[in-house]
Amino acid sequence: MPLDKRHDVLYDVPYMVQIINITDARNNLAKLIEKIKATKEPVVIVQDSNPSVVVYPYDQLFQLKFKEIFREGEKKFKQYLRKKSLRTPRSEKDAYSIIKNA
């Protein structure tokens, strides 16, 4: 392919996700779990050549869920402030005061 026709694609991926078929996962489940715990990286399990599930280390999954819940809380708090015509608090103490008096 000529250099002027070449296209490069860059991905913002912090690591390469390991992919394993369901038979290998089933036959080596204990080893797979130990590897996931040690590397702290998720593994995609494929079934019939299609991604089926992702297995995450528990601590990583907890962090993802916490961030999701935190973002939802921030969104609801901002909606509440707009609804009550309140300014965004400048400190954590002010935010807790607003929450306490809600």
Protein backbone atom coordinates (compact mmCIF):
# COMPACT_ATOMS: atom_id res chain seq x y z
CA MET A 1 0.00 0.00 0.00
CA PRO A 2 1.42 3.39 -0.91
CA LEU A 3 2.33 5.58 2.04
CA ASP A 4 -0.03 8.34 0.99
CA LYS A 5 -2.96 5.89 1.06
CA ARG A 6 -2.14 4.38 4.46
CA HIS A 7 -4.45 5.17 7.38
CA ASP A 8 -3.42 4.75 10.96
CA VAL A 9 -5.97 4.27 13.69
CA LEU A 10 -5.05 5.07 17.28
CA TYR A 11 -6.99 3.78 20.25
CA ASP A 12 -6.97 5.26 23.73
CA VAL A 13 -6.75 1.92 25.54
CA PRO A 14 -4.77 1.67 28.79
CA TYR A 15 -4.08 -2.02 28.24
CA MET A 16 -4.91 -4.86 25.91
CA VAL A 17 -7.88 -6.89 27.05
CA GLN A 18 -7.32 -10.62 27.16
CA ILE A 19 -9.85 -12.68 25.22
CA ILE A 20 -10.46 -16.34 26.02
CA ASN A 21 -13.00 -18.82 24.68
CA ILE A 22 -15.62 -20.23 27.00
CA THR A 23 -14.24 -23.79 26.89
CA ASP A 24 -10.79 -22.67 28.01
CA ALA A 25 -12.35 -20.49 30.71
CA ARG A 26 -14.42 -23.40 32.02
CA ASN A 27 -11.53 -25.86 31.94
CA ASN A 28 -9.13 -23.46 33.66
CA LEU A 29 -11.43 -21.36 35.82
CA ALA A 30 -9.30 -21.41 38.98
CA LYS A 31 -6.17 -20.39 37.02
CA LEU A 32 -8.13 -17.73 35.15
CA ILE A 33 -9.40 -16.22 38.41
CA GLU A 34 -5.90 -16.16 39.89
CA LYS A 35 -4.57 -14.48 36.74
CA ILE A 36 -7.31 -11.82 36.84
CA LYS A 37 -6.61 -11.15 40.52
CA ALA A 38 -2.85 -10.90 39.88
CA THR A 39 -2.96 -8.71 36.75
CA LYS A 40 -6.04 -6.71 37.82
CA GLU A 41 -7.12 -6.70 34.17
CA PRO A 42 -10.50 -7.85 32.84
CA VAL A 43 -10.89 -10.87 30.58
CA VAL A 44 -13.45 -11.14 27.78
CA ILE A 45 -14.99 -14.59 27.40
CA VAL A 46 -16.24 -15.42 23.92
CA GLN A 47 -18.87 -17.97 23.01
CA ASP A 48 -19.36 -19.04 19.40
CA SER A 49 -16.81 -16.37 18.37
CA ASN A 50 -18.89 -13.58 19.93
CA PRO A 51 -18.02 -11.67 23.10
CA SER A 52 -20.30 -12.99 25.81
CA VAL A 53 -19.14 -11.62 29.17
CA VAL A 54 -16.35 -9.62 30.76
CA VAL A 55 -14.83 -10.79 34.03
CA TYR A 56 -13.45 -7.92 36.11
CA PRO A 57 -11.35 -8.03 39.24
CA TYR A 58 -13.71 -7.20 42.11
CA ASP A 59 -11.85 -4.09 43.28
CA GLN A 60 -11.80 -2.64 39.76
CA LEU A 61 -15.51 -3.32 39.27
CA PHE A 62 -16.28 -1.71 42.64
CA GLN A 63 -14.36 1.42 41.60
CA LEU A 64 -16.25 1.61 38.29
CA LYS A 65 -19.61 1.24 40.03
CA PHE A 66 -18.65 3.82 42.67
CA LYS A 67 -17.69 6.34 39.98
CA GLU A 68 -20.99 5.71 38.19
CA ILE A 69 -23.00 6.24 41.38
CA PHE A 70 -20.96 9.35 42.27
CA ARG A 71 -21.57 10.90 38.81
CA GLU A 72 -25.30 10.21 39.15
CA GLY A 73 -25.29 11.87 42.58
CA GLU A 74 -23.52 14.95 41.21
CA LYS A 75 -26.06 15.16 38.40
CA LYS A 76 -29.02 14.94 40.79
CA PHE A 77 -27.44 17.52 43.12
CA LYS A 78 -26.99 19.98 40.24
CA GLN A 79 -30.61 19.41 39.18
CA TYR A 80 -31.72 20.11 42.76
CA LEU A 81 -29.69 23.33 42.86
CA ARG A 82 -31.23 24.53 39.59
CA LYS A 83 -34.75 23.61 40.75
CA LYS A 84 -34.30 25.55 44.00
CA SER A 85 -32.44 28.41 42.25
CA LEU A 86 -29.40 27.89 44.48
CA ARG A 87 -25.83 28.75 43.55
CA THR A 88 -23.23 26.03 43.34
CA PRO A 89 -21.61 25.68 46.77
CA ARG A 90 -18.01 26.84 47.01
CA SER A 91 -16.95 24.38 49.67
CA GLU A 92 -17.73 20.88 50.86
CA LYS A 93 -19.10 22.36 54.08
CA ASP A 94 -21.56 24.52 52.09
CA ALA A 95 -22.64 21.49 50.05
CA TYR A 96 -23.32 19.46 53.20
CA SER A 97 -25.28 22.39 54.63
CA ILE A 98 -27.51 22.45 51.54
CA ILE A 99 -28.01 18.67 51.73
CA LYS A 100 -28.79 18.81 55.46
CA ASN A 101 -31.41 21.52 54.94
CA ALA A 102 -33.03 19.85 51.92
